[in-house]
Amino acid sequence: MYNNLKIPIYFFFIGSLFLGLYFGENSSGGGKIDHEYLFPFILNFNDSFLKGLITFIENKGSLIHSPAFYILISYLYSFTENIIHIKIIYILISSILPFLFFLILSEKFRSQNFSIFLFSLVIFLSPYFRSSAIWILGDNLSLLFLATSILFLIKKKISYEKRFYDYLLSLIFLILCCYVRYYYCIYFLYYLFIYFKYLKKNDFIKILLYSFFLSIPAIGYFLFVILNYDFLNTLSTFGTINYFSNSLIILSILLFYLIPIIILKRKEFIQFFLKSKINIVFILTLSICSFFIDYFIYENLINFSNLGGGFFIKFLKISDIDNSILLLFSAISLIALDFIFKEDRINNYLILIILVVSLPLYSIFQKYLDPLFYFLFFGLINSRQINKNFICNIFNSSFLLAYYFIFFVTSIFYYEVIL
């Protein structure tokens, strides 16, 4: 009955992006600023590739980014030289991402019912997806490649030969993703884990060789900027090795996305909470000890940037509450994750560790996890809690969609009215 509504609803949400373009929507807060800073590099590449590259790598603010996205956009710009035309094209390209999420959900849960389609629309409600689409930022293109890679990685294999070629395609799209956003390269460790687990030794070696040859241009570029420009020092300016603080921020951001799932699975979560006293006591004890170490012994153990931090950090700032309470949010998040991860902890915690390690940045922004969270959590995480019965339930999908819609509206209100 609802299947006939899929195409009209999908185009309605695409239309909402064009409406956002018309009104200059800036629901992520930083989209417009990033565009104004980075678009001149596109113009430089359009004038001359060599000039564009030199200007790009001589600027510390852009040197830490990959030039690949700006080169591609400059190529499009050379055909029209009209920024609105480029924005329209990029919105249409970005609009493929929710469809890819639908394909991932359909493959993972072996269903294409309306509730799965409904939940896939959550990508359209991501303030960061929308800002990237409207303000021509590279995040959506990297996620397009990553989503395609995940789709091939999780495909049900008809034969071993099909498995190898799907894995090879997953590798190719992951490498394309890394060319747009460097920090996704750490996810190659997870892919290696999967390849090693399911491929024969000879085919695993082939995968390694393919990955090396496809990465040669990136290796050459990195050697060039490291040897000729102050790349490593610049990287240290924006980066940090304080993974403890970053872990707290990332866990608190994840908690924001886990809240509606925990509400929907509250009975199972309460049972888990009552049965897993040892794990929970360990997590809470670790949090309390971390607080006292930071307060009395090593004051920089917990050190947050003034920028970014996600929903809960902003809430604490507005409420004038000390950031140390973030330890509690992070502990709750870890308990919630363990509840969801418990059936396949090795696979699931490996993804979580890779997520944390991939972001050695001084300022962690929520945009780094949104909409990435949906693709990792509903694509790669193995959990009986997030199963076919859960995701194919129209009430659950509607509840999740409503929760993230409120977040989208709140983001617009926060950035357009409060700030």
Protein backbone atom coordinates (compact mmCIF):
# COMPACT_ATOMS: atom_id res chain seq x y z
CA MET A 1 0.00 0.00 0.00
CA TYR A 2 2.79 2.41 0.92
CA ASN A 3 5.23 1.37 -1.81
CA ASN A 4 3.69 3.77 -4.33
CA LEU A 5 4.58 6.62 -1.99
CA LYS A 6 8.34 5.94 -2.01
CA ILE A 7 9.25 7.95 -5.11
CA PRO A 8 7.08 11.03 -4.30
CA ILE A 9 8.39 11.12 -0.71
CA TYR A 10 11.99 10.71 -1.89
CA PHE A 11 11.64 13.62 -4.33
CA PHE A 12 9.90 15.68 -1.65
CA PHE A 13 13.02 15.38 0.53
CA ILE A 14 15.26 16.23 -2.41
CA GLY A 15 13.08 19.29 -2.88
CA SER A 16 13.70 20.23 0.75
CA LEU A 17 17.42 20.49 -0.09
CA PHE A 18 16.66 22.91 -2.93
CA LEU A 19 14.46 24.86 -0.53
CA GLY A 20 17.41 24.96 1.85
CA LEU A 21 19.58 26.22 -1.01
CA TYR A 22 17.08 28.99 -1.78
CA PHE A 23 17.00 30.19 1.84
CA GLY A 24 20.74 29.68 2.46
CA GLU A 25 20.17 27.01 5.11
CA ASN A 26 23.13 26.61 7.46
CA SER A 27 21.80 24.01 9.88
CA SER A 28 25.26 22.68 10.83
CA GLY A 29 26.55 26.13 11.76
CA GLY A 30 29.86 25.82 9.94
CA GLY A 31 28.80 24.94 6.39
CA LYS A 32 28.66 28.48 5.09
CA ILE A 33 31.94 29.44 6.78
CA ASP A 34 33.74 26.38 5.37
CA HIS A 35 32.37 27.11 1.90
CA GLU A 36 33.54 30.72 1.96
CA TYR A 37 36.99 29.63 3.11
CA LEU A 38 37.44 26.72 0.70
CA PHE A 39 35.67 27.85 -2.50
CA PRO A 40 38.56 30.17 -3.57
CA PHE A 41 40.72 27.04 -3.85
CA ILE A 42 38.24 25.65 -6.40
CA LEU A 43 38.60 28.87 -8.39
CA ASN A 44 42.39 28.56 -8.23
CA PHE A 45 42.29 25.00 -9.56
CA ASN A 46 39.93 26.21 -12.29
CA ASP A 47 42.43 28.88 -13.38
CA SER A 48 45.42 26.53 -13.36
CA PHE A 49 45.97 23.10 -11.85
CA LEU A 50 49.55 23.94 -10.85
CA LYS A 51 48.58 27.31 -9.38
CA GLY A 52 45.69 25.72 -7.53
CA LEU A 53 47.85 22.94 -6.09
CA ILE A 54 50.60 25.31 -4.91
CA THR A 55 48.07 27.70 -3.33
CA PHE A 56 46.32 24.76 -1.68
CA ILE A 57 49.38 23.17 -0.08
CA GLU A 58 50.93 26.49 0.95
CA ASN A 59 47.89 27.28 3.10
CA LYS A 60 47.97 25.61 6.52
CA GLY A 61 44.18 25.58 6.79
CA SER A 62 43.78 23.59 3.57
CA LEU A 63 47.01 21.55 3.65
CA ILE A 64 45.48 19.08 6.13
CA HIS A 65 42.67 18.40 3.62
CA SER A 66 42.87 16.37 0.43
CA PRO A 67 42.86 18.47 -2.76
CA ALA A 68 40.96 15.74 -4.68
CA PHE A 69 37.46 17.10 -4.01
CA TYR A 70 38.37 20.66 -4.97
CA ILE A 71 40.02 19.45 -8.18
CA LEU A 72 36.85 17.54 -9.12
CA ILE A 73 34.58 20.51 -8.38
CA SER A 74 36.89 22.85 -10.31
CA TYR A 75 36.50 20.51 -13.29
CA LEU A 76 32.70 20.85 -13.05
CA TYR A 77 33.05 24.59 -12.58
CA SER A 78 35.03 24.88 -15.83
CA PHE A 79 31.90 23.82 -17.77
CA THR A 80 29.48 26.34 -16.26
CA GLU A 81 31.37 28.87 -14.10
CA ASN A 82 28.09 29.37 -12.25
CA ILE A 83 28.12 28.58 -8.54
CA ILE A 84 24.35 27.93 -8.43
CA HIS A 85 24.63 25.34 -11.19
CA ILE A 86 27.42 23.61 -9.25
CA LYS A 87 25.29 23.60 -6.08
CA ILE A 88 22.35 22.10 -7.95
CA ILE A 89 24.54 19.35 -9.40
CA TYR A 90 26.09 18.60 -6.01
CA ILE A 91 22.69 18.46 -4.30
CA LEU A 92 21.57 15.88 -6.86
CA ILE A 93 24.78 13.87 -6.36
CA SER A 94 24.38 14.08 -2.55
CA SER A 95 20.77 12.88 -2.85
CA ILE A 96 22.09 9.46 -3.89
CA LEU A 97 23.39 8.95 -0.33
CA PRO A 98 19.97 8.26 1.33
CA PHE A 99 19.23 5.80 -1.50
CA LEU A 100 22.53 4.02 -0.79
CA PHE A 101 21.55 3.85 2.88
CA PHE A 102 18.27 2.25 1.81
CA LEU A 103 20.20 -0.33 -0.24
CA ILE A 104 22.49 -1.06 2.74
CA LEU A 105 19.50 -1.56 5.04
CA SER A 106 17.75 -3.71 2.43
CA GLU A 107 20.86 -5.89 2.02
CA LYS A 108 21.56 -6.14 5.73
CA PHE A 109 17.99 -7.00 6.76
CA ARG A 110 16.93 -8.75 3.53
CA SER A 111 13.86 -6.58 3.10
CA GLN A 112 12.70 -3.54 1.15
CA ASN A 113 9.53 -2.81 3.07
CA PHE A 114 8.26 0.71 3.64
CA SER A 115 9.57 1.07 7.19
CA ILE A 116 13.14 0.53 5.95
CA PHE A 117 12.61 3.13 3.24
CA LEU A 118 11.13 5.48 5.84
CA PHE A 119 14.12 5.15 8.12
CA SER A 120 16.59 5.65 5.23
CA LEU A 121 15.17 9.18 4.89
CA VAL A 122 16.88 10.06 8.17
CA ILE A 123 19.94 11.02 6.08
CA PHE A 124 17.92 13.92 4.66
CA LEU A 125 17.38 15.17 8.23
CA SER A 126 21.08 15.27 9.08
CA PRO A 127 22.09 18.95 9.45
CA TYR A 128 25.61 18.01 8.38
CA PHE A 129 24.52 16.10 5.27
CA ARG A 130 22.31 19.02 4.28
CA SER A 131 25.03 21.61 4.86
CA SER A 132 27.54 19.58 2.86
CA ALA A 133 25.06 19.29 -0.03
CA ILE A 134 24.04 22.96 -0.01
CA TRP A 135 27.49 24.46 0.56
CA ILE A 136 29.51 22.08 -1.68
CA LEU A 137 31.64 20.40 0.99
CA GLY A 138 33.53 17.15 0.50
CA ASP A 139 31.89 15.21 3.35
CA ASN A 140 29.01 13.88 1.25
CA LEU A 141 31.21 12.71 -1.62
CA SER A 142 33.46 10.78 0.76
CA LEU A 143 30.40 9.22 2.38
CA LEU A 144 29.00 8.28 -1.04
CA PHE A 145 32.14 6.27 -1.71
CA LEU A 146 32.16 4.82 1.82
CA ALA A 147 28.48 3.82 1.63
CA THR A 148 29.06 2.10 -1.72
CA SER A 149 32.07 0.34 -0.20
CA ILE A 150 30.01 -0.87 2.78
CA LEU A 151 27.26 -2.08 0.43
CA PHE A 152 29.70 -4.35 -1.42
CA LEU A 153 31.34 -5.44 1.84
CA ILE A 154 28.08 -6.71 3.37
CA LYS A 155 26.51 -8.16 0.22
CA LYS A 156 25.28 -11.73 0.57
CA LYS A 157 27.64 -13.85 -1.49
CA ILE A 158 26.29 -16.28 -4.09
CA SER A 159 29.70 -17.88 -4.61
CA TYR A 160 33.30 -17.48 -3.51
CA GLU A 161 34.20 -15.78 -6.81
CA LYS A 162 31.40 -13.28 -6.27
CA ARG A 163 32.68 -12.66 -2.76
CA PHE A 164 36.18 -11.82 -4.02
CA TYR A 165 34.94 -9.34 -6.64
CA ASP A 166 32.55 -7.71 -4.17
CA TYR A 167 35.40 -7.35 -1.69
CA LEU A 168 37.62 -5.92 -4.44
CA LEU A 169 34.93 -3.33 -5.28
CA SER A 170 34.54 -2.53 -1.58
CA LEU A 171 38.28 -1.88 -1.44
CA ILE A 172 38.24 0.36 -4.53
CA PHE A 173 35.41 2.52 -3.18
CA LEU A 174 37.06 2.73 0.26
CA ILE A 175 40.25 4.01 -1.37
CA LEU A 176 38.22 6.56 -3.39
CA CYS A 177 36.66 7.65 -0.09
CA CYS A 178 40.12 8.09 1.43
CA TYR A 179 41.22 10.25 -1.49
CA VAL A 180 38.47 12.70 -0.52
CA ARG A 181 38.88 12.42 3.27
CA TYR A 182 42.20 11.14 4.65
CA TYR A 183 40.95 9.98 8.02
CA TYR A 184 38.88 7.14 6.55
CA CYS A 185 42.10 5.27 5.70
CA ILE A 186 42.15 3.79 9.22
CA TYR A 187 38.98 1.84 8.34
CA PHE A 188 41.18 -0.24 6.05
CA LEU A 189 42.18 -2.15 9.20
CA TYR A 190 38.59 -3.32 9.64
CA TYR A 191 38.38 -4.27 5.96
CA LEU A 192 41.60 -6.28 6.33
CA PHE A 193 40.02 -8.07 9.28
CA ILE A 194 37.04 -9.04 7.08
CA TYR A 195 39.18 -9.95 4.05
CA PHE A 196 41.49 -12.11 6.16
CA LYS A 197 38.51 -13.82 7.75
CA TYR A 198 36.66 -14.74 4.55
CA LEU A 199 39.21 -14.87 1.72
CA LYS A 200 41.73 -17.51 0.72
CA LYS A 201 45.37 -16.67 1.34
CA ASN A 202 46.18 -15.97 -2.34
CA ASP A 203 43.17 -13.70 -2.77
CA PHE A 204 44.00 -11.88 0.46
CA ILE A 205 47.49 -11.17 -0.91
CA LYS A 206 45.91 -9.95 -4.17
CA ILE A 207 43.76 -7.52 -2.16
CA LEU A 208 46.88 -6.19 -0.43
CA LEU A 209 48.64 -5.67 -3.75
CA TYR A 210 45.62 -3.93 -5.30
CA SER A 211 45.38 -1.61 -2.30
CA PHE A 212 49.06 -0.71 -2.59
CA PHE A 213 48.93 0.11 -6.31
CA LEU A 214 45.71 2.11 -5.97
CA SER A 215 47.28 4.09 -3.14
CA ILE A 216 50.48 5.04 -5.01
CA PRO A 217 49.20 8.53 -6.06
CA ALA A 218 48.31 9.29 -2.42
CA ILE A 219 51.67 8.00 -1.17
CA GLY A 220 53.45 10.19 -3.73
CA TYR A 221 51.42 13.23 -2.74
CA PHE A 222 52.13 12.71 0.97
CA LEU A 223 55.85 12.26 0.38
CA PHE A 224 55.87 15.47 -1.65
CA VAL A 225 54.12 17.63 0.97
CA ILE A 226 56.06 16.08 3.85
CA LEU A 227 59.43 16.68 2.19
CA ASN A 228 58.66 20.12 0.74
CA TYR A 229 56.10 21.64 3.08
CA ASP A 230 55.55 21.77 6.82
CA PHE A 231 52.85 19.10 6.67
CA LEU A 232 53.65 17.15 9.84
CA ASN A 233 53.98 20.28 11.95
CA THR A 234 50.74 21.64 10.49
CA LEU A 235 49.04 18.32 11.23
CA SER A 236 50.17 18.51 14.86
CA THR A 237 48.60 21.99 15.12
CA PHE A 238 45.15 20.62 14.35
CA GLY A 239 45.69 17.17 15.88
CA THR A 240 46.09 15.74 19.35
CA ILE A 241 47.16 12.50 20.98
CA ASN A 242 44.73 13.01 23.86
CA TYR A 243 42.57 10.09 22.83
CA PHE A 244 41.04 9.90 26.29
CA SER A 245 39.32 13.28 25.96
CA ASN A 246 38.39 12.52 22.36
CA SER A 247 36.90 9.19 23.42
CA LEU A 248 34.68 10.94 25.95
CA ILE A 249 33.43 13.39 23.34
CA ILE A 250 32.85 10.68 20.73
CA LEU A 251 31.02 8.47 23.25
CA SER A 252 28.81 11.39 24.31
CA ILE A 253 27.98 12.13 20.67
CA LEU A 254 27.16 8.46 20.10
CA LEU A 255 24.88 8.54 23.15
CA PHE A 256 22.82 11.22 21.47
CA TYR A 257 22.13 8.85 18.56
CA LEU A 258 21.59 5.84 20.83
CA ILE A 259 18.93 7.45 23.05
CA PRO A 260 15.91 6.68 20.78
CA ILE A 261 17.13 3.10 20.26
CA ILE A 262 17.47 2.58 24.02
CA ILE A 263 13.98 4.03 24.54
CA LEU A 264 12.54 1.60 22.01
CA LYS A 265 14.51 -1.32 23.53
CA ARG A 266 14.06 -0.17 27.14
CA LYS A 267 12.81 -3.54 28.49
CA GLU A 268 15.76 -5.46 27.05
CA PHE A 269 18.15 -2.72 28.16
CA ILE A 270 16.87 -2.81 31.77
CA GLN A 271 17.27 -6.61 31.82
CA PHE A 272 20.83 -6.25 30.49
CA PHE A 273 21.56 -3.56 33.07
CA LEU A 274 20.41 -5.81 35.91
CA LYS A 275 22.29 -8.89 34.64
CA SER A 276 25.59 -7.21 33.68
CA LYS A 277 26.55 -5.76 37.05
CA ILE A 278 30.26 -6.59 36.71
CA ASN A 279 30.67 -4.77 33.38
CA ILE A 280 28.65 -1.79 34.55
CA VAL A 281 30.51 -1.50 37.87
CA PHE A 282 33.80 -1.64 35.94
CA ILE A 283 32.71 1.16 33.57
CA LEU A 284 31.43 3.37 36.39
CA THR A 285 34.55 2.73 38.51
CA LEU A 286 36.77 3.64 35.55
CA SER A 287 34.81 6.88 35.07
CA ILE A 288 35.06 7.84 38.76
CA CYS A 289 38.80 7.07 38.87
CA SER A 290 39.34 9.13 35.70
CA PHE A 291 37.57 12.07 37.31
CA PHE A 292 39.74 11.95 40.45
CA ILE A 293 42.96 11.49 38.44
CA ASP A 294 42.06 14.53 36.35
CA TYR A 295 41.02 16.58 39.37
CA PHE A 296 43.89 15.76 41.76
CA ILE A 297 46.83 14.29 39.80
CA TYR A 298 46.93 15.01 36.07
CA GLU A 299 44.81 18.03 35.24
CA ASN A 300 45.11 17.71 31.46
CA LEU A 301 43.78 14.16 31.31
CA ILE A 302 40.37 15.58 30.39
CA ASN A 303 40.88 18.57 28.12
CA PHE A 304 38.21 19.77 25.70
CA SER A 305 38.53 22.27 22.86
CA ASN A 306 36.40 25.40 22.93
CA LEU A 307 35.10 24.40 19.49
CA GLY A 308 32.79 21.53 18.56
CA GLY A 309 32.03 18.78 21.04
CA GLY A 310 28.57 17.83 19.86
CA PHE A 311 25.09 18.15 21.33
CA PHE A 312 25.85 17.44 25.00
CA ILE A 313 28.90 19.74 25.14
CA LYS A 314 26.81 22.58 23.73
CA PHE A 315 24.04 21.78 26.19
CA LEU A 316 26.51 21.91 29.11
CA LYS A 317 27.88 25.24 27.90
CA ILE A 318 24.42 26.79 27.57
CA SER A 319 23.45 25.42 31.00
CA ASP A 320 26.78 26.60 32.51
CA ILE A 321 27.51 23.08 33.83
CA ASP A 322 31.08 21.83 34.29
CA ASN A 323 32.32 19.64 31.43
CA SER A 324 33.42 16.93 33.87
CA ILE A 325 29.84 15.65 33.88
CA LEU A 326 30.60 14.42 30.36
CA LEU A 327 32.25 11.42 32.06
CA LEU A 328 28.79 10.32 33.17
CA PHE A 329 27.33 10.70 29.66
CA SER A 330 30.25 8.74 28.24
CA ALA A 331 29.84 5.97 30.83
CA ILE A 332 26.13 5.67 30.00
CA SER A 333 27.03 5.60 26.31
CA LEU A 334 29.54 2.78 26.85
CA ILE A 335 26.95 0.76 28.79
CA ALA A 336 24.41 1.30 25.99
CA LEU A 337 26.98 0.30 23.38
CA ASP A 338 27.89 -2.86 25.28
CA PHE A 339 24.18 -3.73 25.39
CA ILE A 340 24.05 -3.46 21.60
CA PHE A 341 27.52 -4.94 20.96
CA LYS A 342 27.28 -7.98 23.23
CA GLU A 343 26.55 -10.60 20.52
CA ASP A 344 29.70 -9.79 18.52
CA ARG A 345 31.98 -7.70 20.70
CA ILE A 346 35.14 -8.30 18.67
CA ASN A 347 33.66 -7.00 15.41
CA ASN A 348 31.70 -4.19 17.01
CA TYR A 349 34.33 -2.83 19.39
CA LEU A 350 36.89 -2.96 16.58
CA ILE A 351 34.69 -0.54 14.63
CA LEU A 352 34.33 1.70 17.69
CA ILE A 353 38.10 1.73 18.31
CA ILE A 354 38.76 2.55 14.65
CA LEU A 355 36.23 5.38 14.82
CA VAL A 356 38.04 6.91 17.80
CA VAL A 357 41.52 6.39 16.33
CA SER A 358 40.47 7.92 12.99
CA LEU A 359 39.83 11.29 14.68
CA PRO A 360 43.08 12.41 16.39
CA LEU A 361 41.88 16.01 16.24
CA TYR A 362 42.02 18.76 18.82
CA SER A 363 38.42 19.76 18.04
CA ILE A 364 35.87 17.00 17.53
CA PHE A 365 32.76 18.17 15.69
CA GLN A 366 29.52 16.22 15.56
CA LYS A 367 29.63 16.43 11.75
CA TYR A 368 32.45 13.86 11.80
CA LEU A 369 29.96 11.27 13.09
CA ASP A 370 26.79 12.38 11.31
CA PRO A 371 25.63 10.81 9.05
CA LEU A 372 28.61 8.41 9.33
CA PHE A 373 26.99 6.89 12.44
CA TYR A 374 24.07 5.46 10.44
CA PHE A 375 26.28 3.68 7.92
CA LEU A 376 28.58 2.18 10.55
CA PHE A 377 25.89 1.30 13.05
CA PHE A 378 23.26 -0.10 10.71
CA GLY A 379 25.69 -1.38 8.08
CA LEU A 380 28.70 -2.89 9.85
CA ILE A 381 27.66 -3.44 13.48
CA ASN A 382 26.36 -6.93 14.20
CA SER A 383 23.63 -6.95 16.84
CA ARG A 384 20.52 -8.92 17.69
CA GLN A 385 19.08 -5.77 19.18
CA ILE A 386 19.14 -4.00 15.80
CA ASN A 387 17.60 -6.83 13.81
CA LYS A 388 15.01 -7.20 11.06
CA ASN A 389 12.09 -7.12 13.48
CA PHE A 390 13.36 -3.87 14.97
CA ILE A 391 14.15 -1.99 11.76
CA CYS A 392 11.17 -3.31 9.77
CA ASN A 393 8.72 -1.97 12.34
CA ILE A 394 6.95 1.13 11.05
CA PHE A 395 6.47 2.54 14.56
CA ASN A 396 10.18 2.21 15.34
CA SER A 397 11.17 3.84 12.05
CA SER A 398 8.68 6.66 12.58
CA PHE A 399 9.91 7.22 16.14
CA LEU A 400 13.56 7.35 15.05
CA LEU A 401 12.70 9.69 12.18
CA ALA A 402 10.75 11.99 14.51
CA TYR A 403 13.63 12.11 17.02
CA TYR A 404 16.17 13.13 14.39
CA PHE A 405 13.70 15.58 12.83
CA ILE A 406 13.52 17.36 16.19
CA PHE A 407 17.33 17.47 16.19
CA PHE A 408 17.31 19.01 12.70
CA VAL A 409 14.78 21.68 13.70
CA THR A 410 16.71 22.36 16.93
CA SER A 411 19.93 22.80 14.93
CA ILE A 412 18.32 25.40 12.67
CA PHE A 413 16.92 27.23 15.72
CA TYR A 414 20.28 27.10 17.52
CA TYR A 415 22.38 28.42 14.65
CA GLU A 416 19.87 30.82 13.15
CA VAL A 417 18.25 32.24 16.29
CA ILE A 418 20.44 31.65 19.38
CA LEU A 419 23.86 32.35 17.79
